[in-house]
Amino acid sequence: MRNTVLSYLLLPLFAGLAFSVNAAPAEGPMTQPVAAMSQKSTGPAFVNLNQADAATLQKELTGIGKAKAEAIVAYREANGPFATVDELLEIKGIGNALLERNRDKLSVE
């Protein structure tokens, strides 16, 4: 009986200790001061639809895989440079939701 009571008392203690150790911040390159992190970001990076290759489109845009990135490049090669970002809607597989998800990352120059 004494062992059972003792285990009921010690189990929460050890569990709490394990959680606090896991929640402690890790030492290393990920723990940078906020000021240093804000100096690195120079603003939002835009992807130029008229210059980006398929690999860049796939990497920078959300929901764009290899096939859609290649379709964007093929459309540009067949029809000339994009006049507006909305012209992406002409490509099969790209709808309003996908365009709106990436609109703030896209530019046409």
C-alpha atoms as a PDB file:
ATOM      1  CA  MET A   1       0.000   0.000   0.000  1.00  0.00           C
ATOM      2  CA  ARG A   2       2.834   2.334   0.865  1.00  0.00           C
ATOM      3  CA  ASN A   3       4.360   1.753  -2.608  1.00  0.00           C
ATOM      4  CA  THR A   4       1.077   2.578  -4.315  1.00  0.00           C
ATOM      5  CA  VAL A   5       0.644   5.836  -2.413  1.00  0.00           C
ATOM      6  CA  LEU A   6       4.265   6.743  -3.030  1.00  0.00           C
ATOM      7  CA  SER A   7       3.934   6.077  -6.768  1.00  0.00           C
ATOM      8  CA  TYR A   8       0.802   8.257  -6.950  1.00  0.00           C
ATOM      9  CA  LEU A   9       2.757  11.099  -5.359  1.00  0.00           C
ATOM     10  CA  LEU A  10       5.972  10.727  -7.347  1.00  0.00           C
ATOM     11  CA  LEU A  11       4.474  10.127 -10.794  1.00  0.00           C
ATOM     12  CA  PRO A  12       3.047  13.663 -11.197  1.00  0.00           C
ATOM     13  CA  LEU A  13       6.293  15.124  -9.887  1.00  0.00           C
ATOM     14  CA  PHE A  14       8.408  13.318 -12.481  1.00  0.00           C
ATOM     15  CA  ALA A  15       5.912  14.003 -15.261  1.00  0.00           C
ATOM     16  CA  GLY A  16       5.926  17.717 -14.448  1.00  0.00           C
ATOM     17  CA  LEU A  17       9.708  17.729 -14.429  1.00  0.00           C
ATOM     18  CA  ALA A  18       9.814  16.057 -17.844  1.00  0.00           C
ATOM     19  CA  PHE A  19       7.422  18.625 -19.302  1.00  0.00           C
ATOM     20  CA  SER A  20       9.404  21.542 -17.920  1.00  0.00           C
ATOM     21  CA  VAL A  21      12.662  20.166 -19.349  1.00  0.00           C
ATOM     22  CA  ASN A  22      11.079  19.740 -22.787  1.00  0.00           C
ATOM     23  CA  ALA A  23       9.564  23.220 -22.675  1.00  0.00           C
ATOM     24  CA  ALA A  24      12.895  24.911 -21.898  1.00  0.00           C
ATOM     25  CA  PRO A  25      14.309  26.861 -24.857  1.00  0.00           C
ATOM     26  CA  ALA A  26      17.029  25.091 -26.787  1.00  0.00           C
ATOM     27  CA  GLU A  27      20.487  26.556 -26.970  1.00  0.00           C
ATOM     28  CA  GLY A  28      21.922  27.132 -30.407  1.00  0.00           C
ATOM     29  CA  PRO A  29      21.420  29.091 -33.612  1.00  0.00           C
ATOM     30  CA  MET A  30      17.610  29.151 -33.338  1.00  0.00           C
ATOM     31  CA  THR A  31      17.705  31.376 -30.237  1.00  0.00           C
ATOM     32  CA  GLN A  32      18.566  34.755 -31.753  1.00  0.00           C
ATOM     33  CA  PRO A  33      17.523  38.110 -30.382  1.00  0.00           C
ATOM     34  CA  VAL A  34      14.453  39.638 -32.006  1.00  0.00           C
ATOM     35  CA  ALA A  35      16.447  42.671 -33.158  1.00  0.00           C
ATOM     36  CA  ALA A  36      18.869  40.467 -35.101  1.00  0.00           C
ATOM     37  CA  MET A  37      16.007  38.615 -36.764  1.00  0.00           C
ATOM     38  CA  SER A  38      14.224  41.800 -37.801  1.00  0.00           C
ATOM     39  CA  GLN A  39      17.351  43.158 -39.472  1.00  0.00           C
ATOM     40  CA  LYS A  40      17.535  40.155 -41.777  1.00  0.00           C
ATOM     41  CA  SER A  41      14.057  40.547 -43.250  1.00  0.00           C
ATOM     42  CA  THR A  42      13.952  43.277 -45.873  1.00  0.00           C
ATOM     43  CA  GLY A  43      10.243  42.980 -46.591  1.00  0.00           C
ATOM     44  CA  PRO A  44       8.077  40.603 -48.550  1.00  0.00           C
ATOM     45  CA  ALA A  45       9.786  38.817 -51.424  1.00  0.00           C
ATOM     46  CA  PHE A  46       7.803  38.823 -54.643  1.00  0.00           C
ATOM     47  CA  VAL A  47       7.926  36.149 -57.318  1.00  0.00           C
ATOM     48  CA  ASN A  48       7.948  37.686 -60.781  1.00  0.00           C
ATOM     49  CA  LEU A  49       5.726  35.512 -62.969  1.00  0.00           C
ATOM     50  CA  ASN A  50       7.551  36.625 -66.109  1.00  0.00           C
ATOM     51  CA  GLN A  51      11.023  35.636 -64.903  1.00  0.00           C
ATOM     52  CA  ALA A  52      10.684  32.816 -62.362  1.00  0.00           C
ATOM     53  CA  ASP A  53      11.542  29.287 -63.393  1.00  0.00           C
ATOM     54  CA  ALA A  54       9.464  26.244 -62.437  1.00  0.00           C
ATOM     55  CA  ALA A  55      11.657  25.381 -59.443  1.00  0.00           C
ATOM     56  CA  THR A  56      11.306  28.878 -57.976  1.00  0.00           C
ATOM     57  CA  LEU A  57       7.543  28.894 -58.477  1.00  0.00           C
ATOM     58  CA  GLN A  58       7.234  25.507 -56.800  1.00  0.00           C
ATOM     59  CA  LYS A  59       9.392  26.531 -53.845  1.00  0.00           C
ATOM     60  CA  GLU A  60       7.962  29.996 -53.156  1.00  0.00           C
ATOM     61  CA  LEU A  61       4.234  29.555 -53.813  1.00  0.00           C
ATOM     62  CA  THR A  62       1.782  27.692 -51.595  1.00  0.00           C
ATOM     63  CA  GLY A  63      -0.118  24.878 -53.291  1.00  0.00           C
ATOM     64  CA  ILE A  64       1.994  24.941 -56.451  1.00  0.00           C
ATOM     65  CA  GLY A  65       3.657  21.630 -57.179  1.00  0.00           C
ATOM     66  CA  LYS A  66       5.929  20.573 -59.993  1.00  0.00           C
ATOM     67  CA  ALA A  67       3.142  20.069 -62.566  1.00  0.00           C
ATOM     68  CA  LYS A  68       1.473  23.451 -61.932  1.00  0.00           C
ATOM     69  CA  ALA A  69       4.812  25.269 -61.893  1.00  0.00           C
ATOM     70  CA  GLU A  70       5.710  23.719 -65.237  1.00  0.00           C
ATOM     71  CA  ALA A  71       2.254  24.627 -66.573  1.00  0.00           C
ATOM     72  CA  ILE A  72       2.820  28.286 -65.589  1.00  0.00           C
ATOM     73  CA  VAL A  73       6.158  28.358 -67.419  1.00  0.00           C
ATOM     74  CA  ALA A  74       4.652  26.597 -70.464  1.00  0.00           C
ATOM     75  CA  TYR A  75       1.755  29.090 -70.570  1.00  0.00           C
ATOM     76  CA  ARG A  76       4.208  31.990 -70.414  1.00  0.00           C
ATOM     77  CA  GLU A  77       6.305  30.523 -73.237  1.00  0.00           C
ATOM     78  CA  ALA A  78       3.237  29.878 -75.411  1.00  0.00           C
ATOM     79  CA  ASN A  79       1.361  33.156 -74.772  1.00  0.00           C
ATOM     80  CA  GLY A  80       4.083  35.655 -73.921  1.00  0.00           C
ATOM     81  CA  PRO A  81       4.643  37.457 -70.642  1.00  0.00           C
ATOM     82  CA  PHE A  82       1.871  37.792 -68.091  1.00  0.00           C
ATOM     83  CA  ALA A  83       0.077  41.147 -68.179  1.00  0.00           C
ATOM     84  CA  THR A  84      -1.589  40.676 -64.777  1.00  0.00           C
ATOM     85  CA  VAL A  85      -1.481  38.199 -61.908  1.00  0.00           C
ATOM     86  CA  ASP A  86      -5.127  37.328 -62.650  1.00  0.00           C
ATOM     87  CA  GLU A  87      -4.014  35.781 -65.931  1.00  0.00           C
ATOM     88  CA  LEU A  88      -2.972  32.726 -63.889  1.00  0.00           C
ATOM     89  CA  LEU A  89      -6.653  31.759 -63.813  1.00  0.00           C
ATOM     90  CA  GLU A  90      -6.312  30.740 -67.484  1.00  0.00           C
ATOM     91  CA  ILE A  91      -4.056  27.852 -66.469  1.00  0.00           C
ATOM     92  CA  LYS A  92      -5.794  24.545 -65.804  1.00  0.00           C
ATOM     93  CA  GLY A  93      -5.664  23.616 -62.120  1.00  0.00           C
ATOM     94  CA  ILE A  94      -5.295  27.157 -60.811  1.00  0.00           C
ATOM     95  CA  GLY A  95      -8.488  28.576 -59.373  1.00  0.00           C
ATOM     96  CA  ASN A  96      -9.518  31.617 -57.353  1.00  0.00           C
ATOM     97  CA  ALA A  97      -8.619  30.073 -53.984  1.00  0.00           C
ATOM     98  CA  LEU A  98      -5.095  29.176 -55.075  1.00  0.00           C
ATOM     99  CA  LEU A  99      -4.572  32.583 -56.659  1.00  0.00           C
ATOM    100  CA  GLU A 100      -5.800  34.446 -53.578  1.00  0.00           C
ATOM    101  CA  ARG A 101      -3.588  32.331 -51.328  1.00  0.00           C
ATOM    102  CA  ASN A 102      -0.522  33.478 -53.285  1.00  0.00           C
ATOM    103  CA  ARG A 103      -1.547  36.934 -54.527  1.00  0.00           C
ATOM    104  CA  ASP A 104       0.610  38.809 -51.994  1.00  0.00           C
ATOM    105  CA  LYS A 105       3.703  36.874 -53.168  1.00  0.00           C
ATOM    106  CA  LEU A 106       3.233  37.464 -56.898  1.00  0.00           C
ATOM    107  CA  SER A 107       4.275  40.292 -59.160  1.00  0.00           C
ATOM    108  CA  VAL A 108       4.309  40.979 -62.888  1.00  0.00           C
ATOM    109  CA  GLU A 109       7.074  43.168 -64.239  1.00  0.00           C
END
